[in-house]
Amino acid sequence: MKKKWQILSISLALTSATGILHAEGNINAGKHKAESCASCHGDNGNSMVATFPKLAQQHSSYLERQLRAFKDGTRNDPMMSAMALPLTDEDMADISAYYAAQKISENAMPVLADDDEDEKPAGNKDIQTLIAKGSDLYRNGDLKSEVSACIACHGPFGEGNKPASFPALKSQHADYLIKALTDFKSGSRSNNPENIMHMIAKKMTDEEIKAVSYRISMMK
């Protein structure tokens, strides 16, 4: 019964979300077309830079939606917008199919910096304590601050929801997740349906954002 209302409130979004119906792209063609993406996202979609997202094993429906958003300007990023602009619908489908077919890499346990006060969570909690807090937030949300549980849209293991184009999150870089949630919180990223992520993230503290990001980064 614990905090089920947060899960229910977001689960309702699943019933109203419109599934994306599209022809699956060509994986082999996508591999060739994705060569220009490798410098940031890695040869197989596993970025070596923690601020660039891993694309491996991501739902093709989600990737296509993001590429369209970059192309039409509803999601703003100068580099990605320039990359997406010349892509056709077929190109987007092929690239997305290629990355969806790759296996995401696992992350090493995060290490909190001892010499950088800005990187420490409030109260100098160690990483295991922070991850435990993130696990509780992911599964149960926070009744007091009305933060909804992540599990409703992104699944118990961070696997996401392909028909609804809700992204898989497991094994994503923590630094990227922190940036994404911070951007949702500030409103600088707001292209998701009904702005659900902005409504959730704006209620989260910086420590909660770090906690849930570190937890998700450890999901396999």
C-alpha atoms as a PDB file:
ATOM      1  CA  MET A   1       0.000   0.000   0.000  1.00  0.00           C
ATOM      2  CA  LYS A   2       3.048   2.248   0.451  1.00  0.00           C
ATOM      3  CA  LYS A   3       2.731   5.391  -1.648  1.00  0.00           C
ATOM      4  CA  LYS A   4       0.706   3.635  -4.329  1.00  0.00           C
ATOM      5  CA  TRP A   5      -0.948   6.853  -5.383  1.00  0.00           C
ATOM      6  CA  GLN A   6       2.245   8.097  -7.025  1.00  0.00           C
ATOM      7  CA  ILE A   7       2.495   4.917  -9.059  1.00  0.00           C
ATOM      8  CA  LEU A   8      -1.183   5.042  -9.990  1.00  0.00           C
ATOM      9  CA  SER A   9      -1.049   8.687 -11.067  1.00  0.00           C
ATOM     10  CA  ILE A  10       1.714   8.022 -13.572  1.00  0.00           C
ATOM     11  CA  SER A  11       0.325   4.630 -14.604  1.00  0.00           C
ATOM     12  CA  LEU A  12      -2.742   6.458 -15.871  1.00  0.00           C
ATOM     13  CA  ALA A  13      -0.482   8.162 -18.394  1.00  0.00           C
ATOM     14  CA  LEU A  14       0.274   4.753 -19.866  1.00  0.00           C
ATOM     15  CA  THR A  15      -3.360   4.152 -20.710  1.00  0.00           C
ATOM     16  CA  SER A  16      -3.648   7.452 -22.577  1.00  0.00           C
ATOM     17  CA  ALA A  17      -0.269   7.365 -24.314  1.00  0.00           C
ATOM     18  CA  THR A  18      -0.487   6.820 -28.038  1.00  0.00           C
ATOM     19  CA  GLY A  19       1.707   3.964 -29.201  1.00  0.00           C
ATOM     20  CA  ILE A  20       3.968   4.771 -32.117  1.00  0.00           C
ATOM     21  CA  LEU A  21       3.268   2.547 -35.084  1.00  0.00           C
ATOM     22  CA  HIS A  22       6.168   2.436 -37.490  1.00  0.00           C
ATOM     23  CA  ALA A  23       8.052   0.050 -39.692  1.00  0.00           C
ATOM     24  CA  GLU A  24      11.136  -1.368 -38.043  1.00  0.00           C
ATOM     25  CA  GLY A  25      14.339   0.022 -39.466  1.00  0.00           C
ATOM     26  CA  ASN A  26      17.161  -1.894 -41.104  1.00  0.00           C
ATOM     27  CA  ILE A  27      19.870  -2.723 -38.562  1.00  0.00           C
ATOM     28  CA  ASN A  28      22.651  -3.179 -41.107  1.00  0.00           C
ATOM     29  CA  ALA A  29      21.820   0.078 -42.846  1.00  0.00           C
ATOM     30  CA  GLY A  30      21.587   1.763 -39.454  1.00  0.00           C
ATOM     31  CA  LYS A  31      25.094   0.630 -38.511  1.00  0.00           C
ATOM     32  CA  HIS A  32      26.520   2.472 -41.506  1.00  0.00           C
ATOM     33  CA  LYS A  33      24.354   5.540 -40.964  1.00  0.00           C
ATOM     34  CA  ALA A  34      25.303   5.713 -37.282  1.00  0.00           C
ATOM     35  CA  GLU A  35      29.033   6.035 -37.999  1.00  0.00           C
ATOM     36  CA  SER A  36      28.842   9.805 -37.597  1.00  0.00           C
ATOM     37  CA  CYS A  37      27.303   9.317 -34.128  1.00  0.00           C
ATOM     38  CA  ALA A  38      30.190   7.210 -32.817  1.00  0.00           C
ATOM     39  CA  SER A  39      32.407  10.079 -31.690  1.00  0.00           C
ATOM     40  CA  CYS A  40      29.909  10.990 -28.976  1.00  0.00           C
ATOM     41  CA  HIS A  41      27.864   7.832 -28.455  1.00  0.00           C
ATOM     42  CA  GLY A  42      30.458   5.109 -29.068  1.00  0.00           C
ATOM     43  CA  ASP A  43      30.803   2.570 -31.862  1.00  0.00           C
ATOM     44  CA  ASN A  44      28.028   0.390 -30.432  1.00  0.00           C
ATOM     45  CA  GLY A  45      26.013   3.039 -28.633  1.00  0.00           C
ATOM     46  CA  ASN A  46      27.938   2.812 -25.351  1.00  0.00           C
ATOM     47  CA  SER A  47      29.285   6.296 -24.844  1.00  0.00           C
ATOM     48  CA  MET A  48      32.625   6.560 -23.063  1.00  0.00           C
ATOM     49  CA  VAL A  49      31.810  10.111 -21.917  1.00  0.00           C
ATOM     50  CA  ALA A  50      29.451  10.163 -18.943  1.00  0.00           C
ATOM     51  CA  THR A  51      27.644  13.326 -20.061  1.00  0.00           C
ATOM     52  CA  PHE A  52      26.737  11.777 -23.431  1.00  0.00           C
ATOM     53  CA  PRO A  53      23.910   9.223 -23.174  1.00  0.00           C
ATOM     54  CA  LYS A  54      24.279   5.562 -23.979  1.00  0.00           C
ATOM     55  CA  LEU A  55      21.978   4.653 -26.872  1.00  0.00           C
ATOM     56  CA  ALA A  56      22.587   0.897 -26.862  1.00  0.00           C
ATOM     57  CA  GLN A  57      19.499  -1.227 -26.106  1.00  0.00           C
ATOM     58  CA  GLN A  58      17.267   1.850 -26.119  1.00  0.00           C
ATOM     59  CA  HIS A  59      13.780   1.435 -27.574  1.00  0.00           C
ATOM     60  CA  SER A  60      13.745   2.329 -31.252  1.00  0.00           C
ATOM     61  CA  SER A  61      10.403   4.107 -30.806  1.00  0.00           C
ATOM     62  CA  TYR A  62      11.934   6.442 -28.215  1.00  0.00           C
ATOM     63  CA  LEU A  63      15.072   7.108 -30.260  1.00  0.00           C
ATOM     64  CA  GLU A  64      13.033   7.951 -33.350  1.00  0.00           C
ATOM     65  CA  ARG A  65      10.852  10.324 -31.368  1.00  0.00           C
ATOM     66  CA  GLN A  66      13.902  12.139 -29.999  1.00  0.00           C
ATOM     67  CA  LEU A  67      15.522  12.429 -33.427  1.00  0.00           C
ATOM     68  CA  ARG A  68      12.314  13.921 -34.826  1.00  0.00           C
ATOM     69  CA  ALA A  69      12.194  16.346 -31.897  1.00  0.00           C
ATOM     70  CA  PHE A  70      15.771  17.450 -32.540  1.00  0.00           C
ATOM     71  CA  LYS A  71      14.993  17.890 -36.237  1.00  0.00           C
ATOM     72  CA  ASP A  72      11.801  19.915 -35.792  1.00  0.00           C
ATOM     73  CA  GLY A  73      13.173  21.985 -32.901  1.00  0.00           C
ATOM     74  CA  THR A  74      10.842  20.807 -30.146  1.00  0.00           C
ATOM     75  CA  ARG A  75      13.930  19.528 -28.341  1.00  0.00           C
ATOM     76  CA  ASN A  76      16.807  21.971 -28.348  1.00  0.00           C
ATOM     77  CA  ASP A  77      20.452  21.003 -28.649  1.00  0.00           C
ATOM     78  CA  PRO A  78      22.638  22.760 -31.242  1.00  0.00           C
ATOM     79  CA  MET A  79      24.797  19.716 -31.950  1.00  0.00           C
ATOM     80  CA  MET A  80      22.001  17.162 -32.124  1.00  0.00           C
ATOM     81  CA  SER A  81      19.719  19.450 -34.094  1.00  0.00           C
ATOM     82  CA  ALA A  82      22.416  19.853 -36.738  1.00  0.00           C
ATOM     83  CA  MET A  83      22.970  16.082 -36.846  1.00  0.00           C
ATOM     84  CA  ALA A  84      19.250  15.302 -37.127  1.00  0.00           C
ATOM     85  CA  LEU A  85      18.350  17.966 -39.696  1.00  0.00           C
ATOM     86  CA  PRO A  86      19.410  16.026 -42.829  1.00  0.00           C
ATOM     87  CA  LEU A  87      17.995  12.691 -41.646  1.00  0.00           C
ATOM     88  CA  THR A  88      14.995  11.195 -43.421  1.00  0.00           C
ATOM     89  CA  ASP A  89      12.350   9.150 -41.626  1.00  0.00           C
ATOM     90  CA  GLU A  90      14.020   6.031 -43.033  1.00  0.00           C
ATOM     91  CA  ASP A  91      17.409   7.149 -41.707  1.00  0.00           C
ATOM     92  CA  MET A  92      15.960   7.685 -38.237  1.00  0.00           C
ATOM     93  CA  ALA A  93      14.290   4.279 -38.271  1.00  0.00           C
ATOM     94  CA  ASP A  94      17.486   2.540 -39.398  1.00  0.00           C
ATOM     95  CA  ILE A  95      19.746   4.293 -36.866  1.00  0.00           C
ATOM     96  CA  SER A  96      17.262   3.642 -34.066  1.00  0.00           C
ATOM     97  CA  ALA A  97      16.973  -0.030 -35.016  1.00  0.00           C
ATOM     98  CA  TYR A  98      20.753  -0.405 -34.952  1.00  0.00           C
ATOM     99  CA  TYR A  99      21.156   1.073 -31.484  1.00  0.00           C
ATOM    100  CA  ALA A 100      18.159  -0.856 -30.129  1.00  0.00           C
ATOM    101  CA  ALA A 101      19.872  -4.097 -31.191  1.00  0.00           C
ATOM    102  CA  GLN A 102      23.073  -3.350 -29.257  1.00  0.00           C
ATOM    103  CA  LYS A 103      23.709  -4.410 -25.646  1.00  0.00           C
ATOM    104  CA  ILE A 104      24.174  -1.676 -23.086  1.00  0.00           C
ATOM    105  CA  SER A 105      27.327  -1.812 -20.979  1.00  0.00           C
ATOM    106  CA  GLU A 106      27.318  -1.979 -17.190  1.00  0.00           C
ATOM    107  CA  ASN A 107      28.660   0.853 -15.052  1.00  0.00           C
ATOM    108  CA  ALA A 108      31.234   0.746 -12.308  1.00  0.00           C
ATOM    109  CA  MET A 109      30.104   1.722  -8.820  1.00  0.00           C
ATOM    110  CA  PRO A 110      30.049   5.536  -8.585  1.00  0.00           C
ATOM    111  CA  VAL A 111      32.635   7.177  -6.360  1.00  0.00           C
ATOM    112  CA  LEU A 112      31.780  10.360  -4.506  1.00  0.00           C
ATOM    113  CA  ALA A 113      34.548  12.958  -4.556  1.00  0.00           C
ATOM    114  CA  ASP A 114      36.114  13.531  -1.132  1.00  0.00           C
ATOM    115  CA  ASP A 115      37.731  16.806  -2.094  1.00  0.00           C
ATOM    116  CA  ASP A 116      34.832  18.498  -3.857  1.00  0.00           C
ATOM    117  CA  GLU A 117      32.115  19.693  -1.502  1.00  0.00           C
ATOM    118  CA  ASP A 118      29.784  20.423  -4.415  1.00  0.00           C
ATOM    119  CA  GLU A 119      29.783  16.770  -5.431  1.00  0.00           C
ATOM    120  CA  LYS A 120      28.897  15.428  -2.003  1.00  0.00           C
ATOM    121  CA  PRO A 121      25.282  14.720  -1.064  1.00  0.00           C
ATOM    122  CA  ALA A 122      23.809  16.583   1.875  1.00  0.00           C
ATOM    123  CA  GLY A 123      25.189  15.291   5.146  1.00  0.00           C
ATOM    124  CA  ASN A 124      28.114  13.539   3.404  1.00  0.00           C
ATOM    125  CA  LYS A 125      26.128  10.336   3.007  1.00  0.00           C
ATOM    126  CA  ASP A 126      28.183   7.566   1.432  1.00  0.00           C
ATOM    127  CA  ILE A 127      27.343   6.170  -1.974  1.00  0.00           C
ATOM    128  CA  GLN A 128      25.489   3.091  -0.666  1.00  0.00           C
ATOM    129  CA  THR A 129      23.215   5.279   1.443  1.00  0.00           C
ATOM    130  CA  LEU A 130      22.568   7.534  -1.516  1.00  0.00           C
ATOM    131  CA  ILE A 131      21.778   4.583  -3.804  1.00  0.00           C
ATOM    132  CA  ALA A 132      19.399   3.145  -1.188  1.00  0.00           C
ATOM    133  CA  LYS A 133      17.567   6.469  -1.095  1.00  0.00           C
ATOM    134  CA  GLY A 134      17.393   6.435  -4.881  1.00  0.00           C
ATOM    135  CA  SER A 135      16.010   2.902  -4.868  1.00  0.00           C
ATOM    136  CA  ASP A 136      13.187   3.940  -2.551  1.00  0.00           C
ATOM    137  CA  LEU A 137      12.387   6.972  -4.693  1.00  0.00           C
ATOM    138  CA  TYR A 138      12.441   4.905  -7.880  1.00  0.00           C
ATOM    139  CA  ARG A 139      10.020   2.303  -6.537  1.00  0.00           C
ATOM    140  CA  ASN A 140       7.836   4.301  -4.169  1.00  0.00           C
ATOM    141  CA  GLY A 141       8.203   7.987  -4.904  1.00  0.00           C
ATOM    142  CA  ASP A 142       7.829  10.447  -2.045  1.00  0.00           C
ATOM    143  CA  LEU A 143       4.359  11.029  -0.627  1.00  0.00           C
ATOM    144  CA  LYS A 144       5.352  14.145   1.319  1.00  0.00           C
ATOM    145  CA  SER A 145       6.857  16.012  -1.633  1.00  0.00           C
ATOM    146  CA  GLU A 146       4.474  14.430  -4.180  1.00  0.00           C
ATOM    147  CA  VAL A 147       7.301  12.969  -6.254  1.00  0.00           C
ATOM    148  CA  SER A 148       5.882  10.124  -8.335  1.00  0.00           C
ATOM    149  CA  ALA A 149       7.555   6.726  -8.538  1.00  0.00           C
ATOM    150  CA  CYS A 150       9.713   6.114 -11.615  1.00  0.00           C
ATOM    151  CA  ILE A 151       8.696   2.452 -11.770  1.00  0.00           C
ATOM    152  CA  ALA A 152       5.276   3.195 -13.271  1.00  0.00           C
ATOM    153  CA  CYS A 153       6.643   4.462 -16.575  1.00  0.00           C
ATOM    154  CA  HIS A 154      10.160   3.051 -16.667  1.00  0.00           C
ATOM    155  CA  GLY A 155       9.504  -0.424 -15.254  1.00  0.00           C
ATOM    156  CA  PRO A 156      10.817  -2.274 -12.188  1.00  0.00           C
ATOM    157  CA  PHE A 157      14.216  -2.852 -13.788  1.00  0.00           C
ATOM    158  CA  GLY A 158      14.540   0.370 -15.760  1.00  0.00           C
ATOM    159  CA  GLU A 159      13.462  -1.384 -18.961  1.00  0.00           C
ATOM    160  CA  GLY A 160      11.076   1.365 -20.066  1.00  0.00           C
ATOM    161  CA  ASN A 161       7.955   0.905 -22.192  1.00  0.00           C
ATOM    162  CA  LYS A 162       8.410   0.575 -25.958  1.00  0.00           C
ATOM    163  CA  PRO A 163       4.752   0.996 -27.083  1.00  0.00           C
ATOM    164  CA  ALA A 164       4.454   4.206 -25.051  1.00  0.00           C
ATOM    165  CA  SER A 165       7.961   5.365 -26.096  1.00  0.00           C
ATOM    166  CA  PHE A 166       9.031   5.661 -22.467  1.00  0.00           C
ATOM    167  CA  PRO A 167      12.803   5.191 -22.465  1.00  0.00           C
ATOM    168  CA  ALA A 168      14.795   2.396 -20.916  1.00  0.00           C
ATOM    169  CA  LEU A 169      16.992   3.847 -18.182  1.00  0.00           C
ATOM    170  CA  LYS A 170      18.973   0.902 -16.825  1.00  0.00           C
ATOM    171  CA  SER A 171      22.770   1.221 -16.888  1.00  0.00           C
ATOM    172  CA  GLN A 172      22.590   4.778 -18.215  1.00  0.00           C
ATOM    173  CA  HIS A 173      25.395   7.129 -17.153  1.00  0.00           C
ATOM    174  CA  ALA A 174      24.546   8.763 -13.814  1.00  0.00           C
ATOM    175  CA  ASP A 175      26.012  12.100 -14.940  1.00  0.00           C
ATOM    176  CA  TYR A 176      23.735  12.147 -17.971  1.00  0.00           C
ATOM    177  CA  LEU A 177      20.688  11.242 -15.883  1.00  0.00           C
ATOM    178  CA  ILE A 178      21.496  14.014 -13.410  1.00  0.00           C
ATOM    179  CA  LYS A 179      21.741  16.505 -16.278  1.00  0.00           C
ATOM    180  CA  ALA A 180      18.498  15.275 -17.865  1.00  0.00           C
ATOM    181  CA  LEU A 181      16.533  15.508 -14.615  1.00  0.00           C
ATOM    182  CA  THR A 182      18.017  18.927 -13.865  1.00  0.00           C
ATOM    183  CA  ASP A 183      17.002  20.122 -17.337  1.00  0.00           C
ATOM    184  CA  PHE A 184      13.482  18.761 -16.836  1.00  0.00           C
ATOM    185  CA  LYS A 185      13.362  20.482 -13.447  1.00  0.00           C
ATOM    186  CA  SER A 186      14.362  23.859 -14.884  1.00  0.00           C
ATOM    187  CA  GLY A 187      12.059  23.482 -17.884  1.00  0.00           C
ATOM    188  CA  SER A 188      14.892  23.725 -20.408  1.00  0.00           C
ATOM    189  CA  ARG A 189      13.905  20.271 -21.637  1.00  0.00           C
ATOM    190  CA  SER A 190      10.177  19.898 -22.080  1.00  0.00           C
ATOM    191  CA  ASN A 191       9.377  17.923 -25.236  1.00  0.00           C
ATOM    192  CA  ASN A 192       7.938  14.890 -23.460  1.00  0.00           C
ATOM    193  CA  PRO A 193       4.164  14.229 -23.692  1.00  0.00           C
ATOM    194  CA  GLU A 194       2.133  16.394 -21.314  1.00  0.00           C
ATOM    195  CA  ASN A 195       5.397  17.547 -19.699  1.00  0.00           C
ATOM    196  CA  ILE A 196       5.200  14.667 -17.203  1.00  0.00           C
ATOM    197  CA  MET A 197       8.912  14.720 -16.422  1.00  0.00           C
ATOM    198  CA  HIS A 198       8.912  18.446 -15.682  1.00  0.00           C
ATOM    199  CA  MET A 199       6.034  18.023 -13.238  1.00  0.00           C
ATOM    200  CA  ILE A 200       7.964  15.292 -11.421  1.00  0.00           C
ATOM    201  CA  ALA A 201      11.480  16.720 -11.527  1.00  0.00           C
ATOM    202  CA  LYS A 202      10.514  20.202 -10.359  1.00  0.00           C
ATOM    203  CA  LYS A 203       9.507  18.695  -7.008  1.00  0.00           C
ATOM    204  CA  MET A 204      12.798  16.842  -6.536  1.00  0.00           C
ATOM    205  CA  THR A 205      15.721  18.155  -4.534  1.00  0.00           C
ATOM    206  CA  ASP A 206      19.215  18.081  -5.997  1.00  0.00           C
ATOM    207  CA  GLU A 207      20.085  15.232  -3.640  1.00  0.00           C
ATOM    208  CA  GLU A 208      17.050  13.221  -4.750  1.00  0.00           C
ATOM    209  CA  ILE A 209      18.058  13.727  -8.384  1.00  0.00           C
ATOM    210  CA  LYS A 210      21.555  12.430  -7.628  1.00  0.00           C
ATOM    211  CA  ALA A 211      20.234   9.530  -5.564  1.00  0.00           C
ATOM    212  CA  VAL A 212      17.827   8.194  -8.173  1.00  0.00           C
ATOM    213  CA  SER A 213      20.364   8.760 -10.972  1.00  0.00           C
ATOM    214  CA  TYR A 214      23.031   6.754  -9.162  1.00  0.00           C
ATOM    215  CA  ARG A 215      20.510   3.976  -8.473  1.00  0.00           C
ATOM    216  CA  ILE A 216      19.392   3.783 -12.109  1.00  0.00           C
ATOM    217  CA  SER A 217      22.997   3.707 -13.272  1.00  0.00           C
ATOM    218  CA  MET A 218      23.473   0.489 -11.291  1.00  0.00           C
ATOM    219  CA  MET A 219      20.430  -1.272 -12.734  1.00  0.00           C
ATOM    220  CA  LYS A 220      21.233  -4.191 -15.059  1.00  0.00           C
END
